[in-house]
Amino acid sequence: DRLRAVGQNGVARFTIHNASVTQTDLK
């Protein structure tokens, strides 16, 4: 939605390293 390529050369590389959700049970 937000990134737009408007040039003639090169690359914009968008890398997702982490997208985690962890659950911890509480006392």
PDB file of all heavy atoms in Angstrom:
ATOM      1  N   ASP A   1       0.810  -1.220   0.000  1.00  0.00           N
ATOM      2  CA  ASP A   1       0.000   0.000   0.000  1.00  0.00           C
ATOM      3  C   ASP A   1       0.844   1.271   0.000  1.00  0.00           C
ATOM      4  O   ASP A   1       0.472   2.261  -0.630  1.00  0.00           O
ATOM      5  CB  ASP A   1      -0.918   0.021   1.229  1.00  0.00           C
ATOM      6  CG  ASP A   1      -2.131  -0.869   1.062  1.00  0.00           C
ATOM      7  OD1 ASP A   1      -2.399  -1.302  -0.077  1.00  0.00           O
ATOM      8  OD2 ASP A   1      -2.824  -1.137   2.067  1.00  0.00           O
ATOM      9  N   ARG A   2       1.991   1.259   0.665  1.00  0.00           N
ATOM     10  CA  ARG A   2       2.694   2.505   0.914  1.00  0.00           C
ATOM     11  C   ARG A   2       3.943   2.714   0.067  1.00  0.00           C
ATOM     12  O   ARG A   2       4.349   3.850  -0.155  1.00  0.00           O
ATOM     13  CB  ARG A   2       3.067   2.600   2.397  1.00  0.00           C
ATOM     14  CG  ARG A   2       1.851   2.625   3.315  1.00  0.00           C
ATOM     15  CD  ARG A   2       1.900   3.785   4.280  1.00  0.00           C
ATOM     16  NE  ARG A   2       2.104   5.067   3.635  1.00  0.00           N
ATOM     17  CZ  ARG A   2       2.593   6.148   4.241  1.00  0.00           C
ATOM     18  NH1 ARG A   2       2.953   6.069   5.509  1.00  0.00           N
ATOM     19  NH2 ARG A   2       2.737   7.278   3.605  1.00  0.00           N
ATOM     20  N   LEU A   3       4.589   1.651  -0.384  1.00  0.00           N
ATOM     21  CA  LEU A   3       5.830   1.821  -1.149  1.00  0.00           C
ATOM     22  C   LEU A   3       5.530   1.872  -2.641  1.00  0.00           C
ATOM     23  O   LEU A   3       4.797   1.039  -3.170  1.00  0.00           O
ATOM     24  CB  LEU A   3       6.804   0.671  -0.843  1.00  0.00           C
ATOM     25  CG  LEU A   3       7.228   0.512   0.625  1.00  0.00           C
ATOM     26  CD1 LEU A   3       8.195  -0.654   0.767  1.00  0.00           C
ATOM     27  CD2 LEU A   3       7.845   1.799   1.157  1.00  0.00           C
ATOM     28  N   ARG A   4       6.132   2.855  -3.334  1.00  0.00           N
ATOM     29  CA  ARG A   4       5.958   3.002  -4.778  1.00  0.00           C
ATOM     30  C   ARG A   4       7.319   3.161  -5.450  1.00  0.00           C
ATOM     31  O   ARG A   4       8.147   3.957  -5.004  1.00  0.00           O
ATOM     32  CB  ARG A   4       5.110   4.235  -5.107  1.00  0.00           C
ATOM     33  CG  ARG A   4       3.658   4.120  -4.755  1.00  0.00           C
ATOM     34  CD  ARG A   4       2.927   3.106  -5.626  1.00  0.00           C
ATOM     35  NE  ARG A   4       1.514   3.060  -5.286  1.00  0.00           N
ATOM     36  CZ  ARG A   4       1.007   2.323  -4.309  1.00  0.00           C
ATOM     37  NH1 ARG A   4       1.820   1.567  -3.581  1.00  0.00           N
ATOM     38  NH2 ARG A   4      -0.280   2.324  -4.065  1.00  0.00           N
ATOM     39  N   ALA A   5       7.527   2.404  -6.512  1.00  0.00           N
ATOM     40  CA  ALA A   5       8.749   2.534  -7.318  1.00  0.00           C
ATOM     41  C   ALA A   5       8.475   3.532  -8.431  1.00  0.00           C
ATOM     42  O   ALA A   5       7.603   3.312  -9.271  1.00  0.00           O
ATOM     43  CB  ALA A   5       9.145   1.186  -7.892  1.00  0.00           C
ATOM     44  N   VAL A   6       9.241   4.641  -8.439  1.00  0.00           N
ATOM     45  CA  VAL A   6       9.020   5.689  -9.446  1.00  0.00           C
ATOM     46  C   VAL A   6      10.299   5.992 -10.224  1.00  0.00           C
ATOM     47  O   VAL A   6      10.357   6.968 -10.972  1.00  0.00           O
ATOM     48  CB  VAL A   6       8.484   6.984  -8.787  1.00  0.00           C
ATOM     49  CG1 VAL A   6       7.124   6.740  -8.147  1.00  0.00           C
ATOM     50  CG2 VAL A   6       9.477   7.531  -7.754  1.00  0.00           C
ATOM     51  N   GLY A   7      11.323   5.152 -10.074  1.00  0.00           N
ATOM     52  CA  GLY A   7      12.598   5.395 -10.742  1.00  0.00           C
ATOM     53  C   GLY A   7      12.817   4.472 -11.925  1.00  0.00           C
ATOM     54  O   GLY A   7      11.930   3.718 -12.340  1.00  0.00           O
ATOM     55  N   GLN A   8      14.028   4.517 -12.462  1.00  0.00           N
ATOM     56  CA  GLN A   8      14.397   3.719 -13.636  1.00  0.00           C
ATOM     57  C   GLN A   8      15.371   2.599 -13.310  1.00  0.00           C
ATOM     58  O   GLN A   8      15.500   1.644 -14.078  1.00  0.00           O
ATOM     59  CB  GLN A   8      15.029   4.639 -14.696  1.00  0.00           C
ATOM     60  CG  GLN A   8      14.116   5.754 -15.170  1.00  0.00           C
ATOM     61  CD  GLN A   8      12.871   5.223 -15.855  1.00  0.00           C
ATOM     62  OE1 GLN A   8      12.939   4.272 -16.640  1.00  0.00           O
ATOM     63  NE2 GLN A   8      11.737   5.843 -15.567  1.00  0.00           N
ATOM     64  N   ASN A   9      16.054   2.704 -12.173  1.00  0.00           N
ATOM     65  CA  ASN A   9      17.088   1.727 -11.834  1.00  0.00           C
ATOM     66  C   ASN A   9      16.992   1.350 -10.362  1.00  0.00           C
ATOM     67  O   ASN A   9      16.462   2.100  -9.536  1.00  0.00           O
ATOM     68  CB  ASN A   9      18.486   2.308 -12.102  1.00  0.00           C
ATOM     69  CG  ASN A   9      18.675   2.709 -13.554  1.00  0.00           C
ATOM     70  OD1 ASN A   9      18.714   1.867 -14.442  1.00  0.00           O
ATOM     71  ND2 ASN A   9      18.783   4.018 -13.797  1.00  0.00           N
ATOM     72  N   GLY A  10      17.549   0.192 -10.035  1.00  0.00           N
ATOM     73  CA  GLY A  10      17.660  -0.217  -8.637  1.00  0.00           C
ATOM     74  C   GLY A  10      16.416  -0.916  -8.117  1.00  0.00           C
ATOM     75  O   GLY A  10      15.361  -0.980  -8.759  1.00  0.00           O
ATOM     76  N   VAL A  11      16.572  -1.440  -6.903  1.00  0.00           N
ATOM     77  CA  VAL A  11      15.520  -2.229  -6.249  1.00  0.00           C
ATOM     78  C   VAL A  11      15.398  -1.784  -4.797  1.00  0.00           C
ATOM     79  O   VAL A  11      16.405  -1.515  -4.129  1.00  0.00           O
ATOM     80  CB  VAL A  11      15.856  -3.736  -6.300  1.00  0.00           C
ATOM     81  CG1 VAL A  11      14.869  -4.551  -5.467  1.00  0.00           C
ATOM     82  CG2 VAL A  11      15.876  -4.230  -7.737  1.00  0.00           C
ATOM     83  N   ALA A  12      14.161  -1.732  -4.311  1.00  0.00           N
ATOM     84  CA  ALA A  12      13.901  -1.563  -2.882  1.00  0.00           C
ATOM     85  C   ALA A  12      13.451  -2.922  -2.350  1.00  0.00           C
ATOM     86  O   ALA A  12      12.409  -3.431  -2.750  1.00  0.00           O
ATOM     87  CB  ALA A  12      12.831  -0.510  -2.635  1.00  0.00           C
ATOM     88  N   ARG A  13      14.264  -3.502  -1.471  1.00  0.00           N
ATOM     89  CA  ARG A  13      13.957  -4.833  -0.940  1.00  0.00           C
ATOM     90  C   ARG A  13      13.443  -4.705   0.487  1.00  0.00           C
ATOM     91  O   ARG A  13      14.141  -4.236   1.390  1.00  0.00           O
ATOM     92  CB  ARG A  13      15.202  -5.719  -0.975  1.00  0.00           C
ATOM     93  CG  ARG A  13      14.935  -7.165  -0.523  1.00  0.00           C
ATOM     94  CD  ARG A  13      16.173  -8.017  -0.707  1.00  0.00           C
ATOM     95  NE  ARG A  13      17.285  -7.504   0.083  1.00  0.00           N
ATOM     96  CZ  ARG A  13      18.577  -7.760  -0.193  1.00  0.00           C
ATOM     97  NH1 ARG A  13      18.891  -8.501  -1.248  1.00  0.00           N
ATOM     98  NH2 ARG A  13      19.524  -7.272   0.586  1.00  0.00           N
ATOM     99  N   PHE A  14      12.202  -5.148   0.678  1.00  0.00           N
ATOM    100  CA  PHE A  14      11.506  -5.077   1.963  1.00  0.00           C
ATOM    101  C   PHE A  14      11.509  -6.476   2.569  1.00  0.00           C
ATOM    102  O   PHE A  14      10.833  -7.380   2.073  1.00  0.00           O
ATOM    103  CB  PHE A  14      10.073  -4.582   1.721  1.00  0.00           C
ATOM    104  CG  PHE A  14       9.245  -4.348   2.955  1.00  0.00           C
ATOM    105  CD1 PHE A  14       9.255  -3.113   3.591  1.00  0.00           C
ATOM    106  CD2 PHE A  14       8.424  -5.345   3.455  1.00  0.00           C
ATOM    107  CE1 PHE A  14       8.459  -2.880   4.707  1.00  0.00           C
ATOM    108  CE2 PHE A  14       7.634  -5.131   4.569  1.00  0.00           C
ATOM    109  CZ  PHE A  14       7.649  -3.889   5.202  1.00  0.00           C
ATOM    110  N   THR A  15      12.313  -6.671   3.636  1.00  0.00           N
ATOM    111  CA  THR A  15      12.505  -8.007   4.200  1.00  0.00           C
ATOM    112  C   THR A  15      11.885  -8.090   5.590  1.00  0.00           C
ATOM    113  O   THR A  15      12.214  -7.300   6.479  1.00  0.00           O
ATOM    114  CB  THR A  15      14.000  -8.360   4.288  1.00  0.00           C
ATOM    115  OG1 THR A  15      14.599  -8.209   2.997  1.00  0.00           O
ATOM    116  CG2 THR A  15      14.180  -9.788   4.766  1.00  0.00           C
ATOM    117  N   ILE A  16      10.994  -9.072   5.789  1.00  0.00           N
ATOM    118  CA  ILE A  16      10.372  -9.320   7.092  1.00  0.00           C
ATOM    119  C   ILE A  16      11.191 -10.391   7.815  1.00  0.00           C
ATOM    120  O   ILE A  16      11.244 -11.544   7.386  1.00  0.00           O
ATOM    121  CB  ILE A  16       8.920  -9.785   6.927  1.00  0.00           C
ATOM    122  CG1 ILE A  16       8.116  -8.747   6.133  1.00  0.00           C
ATOM    123  CG2 ILE A  16       8.273 -10.039   8.294  1.00  0.00           C
ATOM    124  CD1 ILE A  16       6.743  -9.233   5.712  1.00  0.00           C
ATOM    125  N   HIS A  17      11.848  -9.992   8.887  1.00  0.00           N
ATOM    126  CA  HIS A  17      12.665 -10.927   9.664  1.00  0.00           C
ATOM    127  C   HIS A  17      11.862 -11.623  10.762  1.00  0.00           C
ATOM    128  O   HIS A  17      12.087 -12.795  11.063  1.00  0.00           O
ATOM    129  CB  HIS A  17      13.850 -10.201  10.290  1.00  0.00           C
ATOM    130  CG  HIS A  17      14.718  -9.480   9.310  1.00  0.00           C
ATOM    131  ND1 HIS A  17      15.502 -10.138   8.386  1.00  0.00           N
ATOM    132  CD2 HIS A  17      14.912  -8.149   9.097  1.00  0.00           C
ATOM    133  CE1 HIS A  17      16.167  -9.245   7.650  1.00  0.00           C
ATOM    134  NE2 HIS A  17      15.818  -8.040   8.065  1.00  0.00           N
ATOM    135  N   ASN A  18      10.959 -10.878  11.368  1.00  0.00           N
ATOM    136  CA  ASN A  18      10.182 -11.420  12.491  1.00  0.00           C
ATOM    137  C   ASN A  18       8.772 -10.836  12.450  1.00  0.00           C
ATOM    138  O   ASN A  18       8.600  -9.645  12.166  1.00  0.00           O
ATOM    139  CB  ASN A  18      10.852 -11.076  13.827  1.00  0.00           C
ATOM    140  CG  ASN A  18      10.254 -11.824  15.008  1.00  0.00           C
ATOM    141  OD1 ASN A  18       9.380 -12.667  14.853  1.00  0.00           O
ATOM    142  ND2 ASN A  18      10.738 -11.516  16.205  1.00  0.00           N
ATOM    143  N   ALA A  19       7.780 -11.686  12.687  1.00  0.00           N
ATOM    144  CA  ALA A  19       6.384 -11.235  12.768  1.00  0.00           C
ATOM    145  C   ALA A  19       5.649 -12.186  13.709  1.00  0.00           C
ATOM    146  O   ALA A  19       4.640 -12.788  13.362  1.00  0.00           O
ATOM    147  CB  ALA A  19       5.741 -11.221  11.390  1.00  0.00           C
ATOM    148  N   SER A  20       6.180 -12.299  14.913  1.00  0.00           N
ATOM    149  CA  SER A  20       5.731 -13.343  15.840  1.00  0.00           C
ATOM    150  C   SER A  20       4.821 -12.783  16.930  1.00  0.00           C
ATOM    151  O   SER A  20       4.853 -11.590  17.260  1.00  0.00           O
ATOM    152  CB  SER A  20       6.934 -14.025  16.493  1.00  0.00           C
ATOM    153  OG  SER A  20       7.660 -13.086  17.277  1.00  0.00           O
ATOM    154  N   VAL A  21       4.009 -13.682  17.476  1.00  0.00           N
ATOM    155  CA  VAL A  21       3.215 -13.408  18.679  1.00  0.00           C
ATOM    156  C   VAL A  21       3.356 -14.621  19.593  1.00  0.00           C
ATOM    157  O   VAL A  21       3.115 -15.754  19.172  1.00  0.00           O
ATOM    158  CB  VAL A  21       1.729 -13.175  18.366  1.00  0.00           C
ATOM    159  CG1 VAL A  21       0.989 -12.775  19.643  1.00  0.00           C
ATOM    160  CG2 VAL A  21       1.535 -12.114  17.298  1.00  0.00           C
ATOM    161  N   THR A  22       3.744 -14.380  20.840  1.00  0.00           N
ATOM    162  CA  THR A  22       3.852 -15.467  21.814  1.00  0.00           C
ATOM    163  C   THR A  22       2.837 -15.267  22.932  1.00  0.00           C
ATOM    164  O   THR A  22       2.487 -14.138  23.279  1.00  0.00           O
ATOM    165  CB  THR A  22       5.267 -15.546  22.414  1.00  0.00           C
ATOM    166  OG1 THR A  22       5.583 -14.295  23.040  1.00  0.00           O
ATOM    167  CG2 THR A  22       6.289 -15.858  21.333  1.00  0.00           C
ATOM    168  N   GLN A  23       2.374 -16.372  23.471  1.00  0.00           N
ATOM    169  CA  GLN A  23       1.409 -16.361  24.577  1.00  0.00           C
ATOM    170  C   GLN A  23       2.084 -16.842  25.849  1.00  0.00           C
ATOM    171  O   GLN A  23       2.756 -17.877  25.851  1.00  0.00           O
ATOM    172  CB  GLN A  23       0.209 -17.243  24.262  1.00  0.00           C
ATOM    173  CG  GLN A  23      -0.771 -17.397  25.422  1.00  0.00           C
ATOM    174  CD  GLN A  23      -1.924 -18.321  25.093  1.00  0.00           C
ATOM    175  OE1 GLN A  23      -2.558 -18.191  24.046  1.00  0.00           O
ATOM    176  NE2 GLN A  23      -2.202 -19.274  25.982  1.00  0.00           N
ATOM    177  N   THR A  24       1.885 -16.087  26.922  1.00  0.00           N
ATOM    178  CA  THR A  24       2.392 -16.468  28.241  1.00  0.00           C
ATOM    179  C   THR A  24       1.215 -16.604  29.189  1.00  0.00           C
ATOM    180  O   THR A  24       0.445 -15.648  29.369  1.00  0.00           O
ATOM    181  CB  THR A  24       3.378 -15.416  28.783  1.00  0.00           C
ATOM    182  OG1 THR A  24       4.479 -15.272  27.880  1.00  0.00           O
ATOM    183  CG2 THR A  24       3.896 -15.815  30.161  1.00  0.00           C
ATOM    184  N   ASP A  25       1.027 -17.787  29.778  1.00  0.00           N
ATOM    185  CA  ASP A  25      -0.042 -17.994  30.752  1.00  0.00           C
ATOM    186  C   ASP A  25       0.342 -17.334  32.069  1.00  0.00           C
ATOM    187  O   ASP A  25       1.444 -17.543  32.578  1.00  0.00           O
ATOM    188  CB  ASP A  25      -0.291 -19.489  30.957  1.00  0.00           C
ATOM    189  CG  ASP A  25      -0.832 -20.159  29.704  1.00  0.00           C
ATOM    190  OD1 ASP A  25      -1.514 -19.471  28.918  1.00  0.00           O
ATOM    191  OD2 ASP A  25      -0.561 -21.363  29.504  1.00  0.00           O
ATOM    192  N   LEU A  26      -0.586 -16.557  32.613  1.00  0.00           N
ATOM    193  CA  LEU A  26      -0.337 -15.815  33.842  1.00  0.00           C
ATOM    194  C   LEU A  26      -0.870 -16.587  35.053  1.00  0.00           C
ATOM    195  O   LEU A  26      -1.800 -17.386  34.934  1.00  0.00           O
ATOM    196  CB  LEU A  26      -0.994 -14.438  33.767  1.00  0.00           C
ATOM    197  CG  LEU A  26      -0.561 -13.565  32.576  1.00  0.00           C
ATOM    198  CD1 LEU A  26      -1.324 -12.256  32.583  1.00  0.00           C
ATOM    199  CD2 LEU A  26       0.939 -13.319  32.607  1.00  0.00           C
ATOM    200  N   LYS A  27      -0.275 -16.325  36.202  1.00  0.00           N
ATOM    201  CA  LYS A  27      -0.695 -16.985  37.439  1.00  0.00           C
ATOM    202  C   LYS A  27      -2.108 -16.557  37.801  1.00  0.00           C
ATOM    203  O   LYS A  27      -2.437 -15.370  37.780  1.00  0.00           O
ATOM    204  CB  LYS A  27       0.280 -16.648  38.562  1.00  0.00           C
ATOM    205  CG  LYS A  27       0.002 -17.388  39.861  1.00  0.00           C
ATOM    206  CD  LYS A  27       1.047 -17.053  40.916  1.00  0.00           C
ATOM    207  CE  LYS A  27       0.771 -17.809  42.213  1.00  0.00           C
ATOM    208  NZ  LYS A  27       1.778 -17.488  43.267  1.00  0.00           N
TER     209      LYS A  27
END
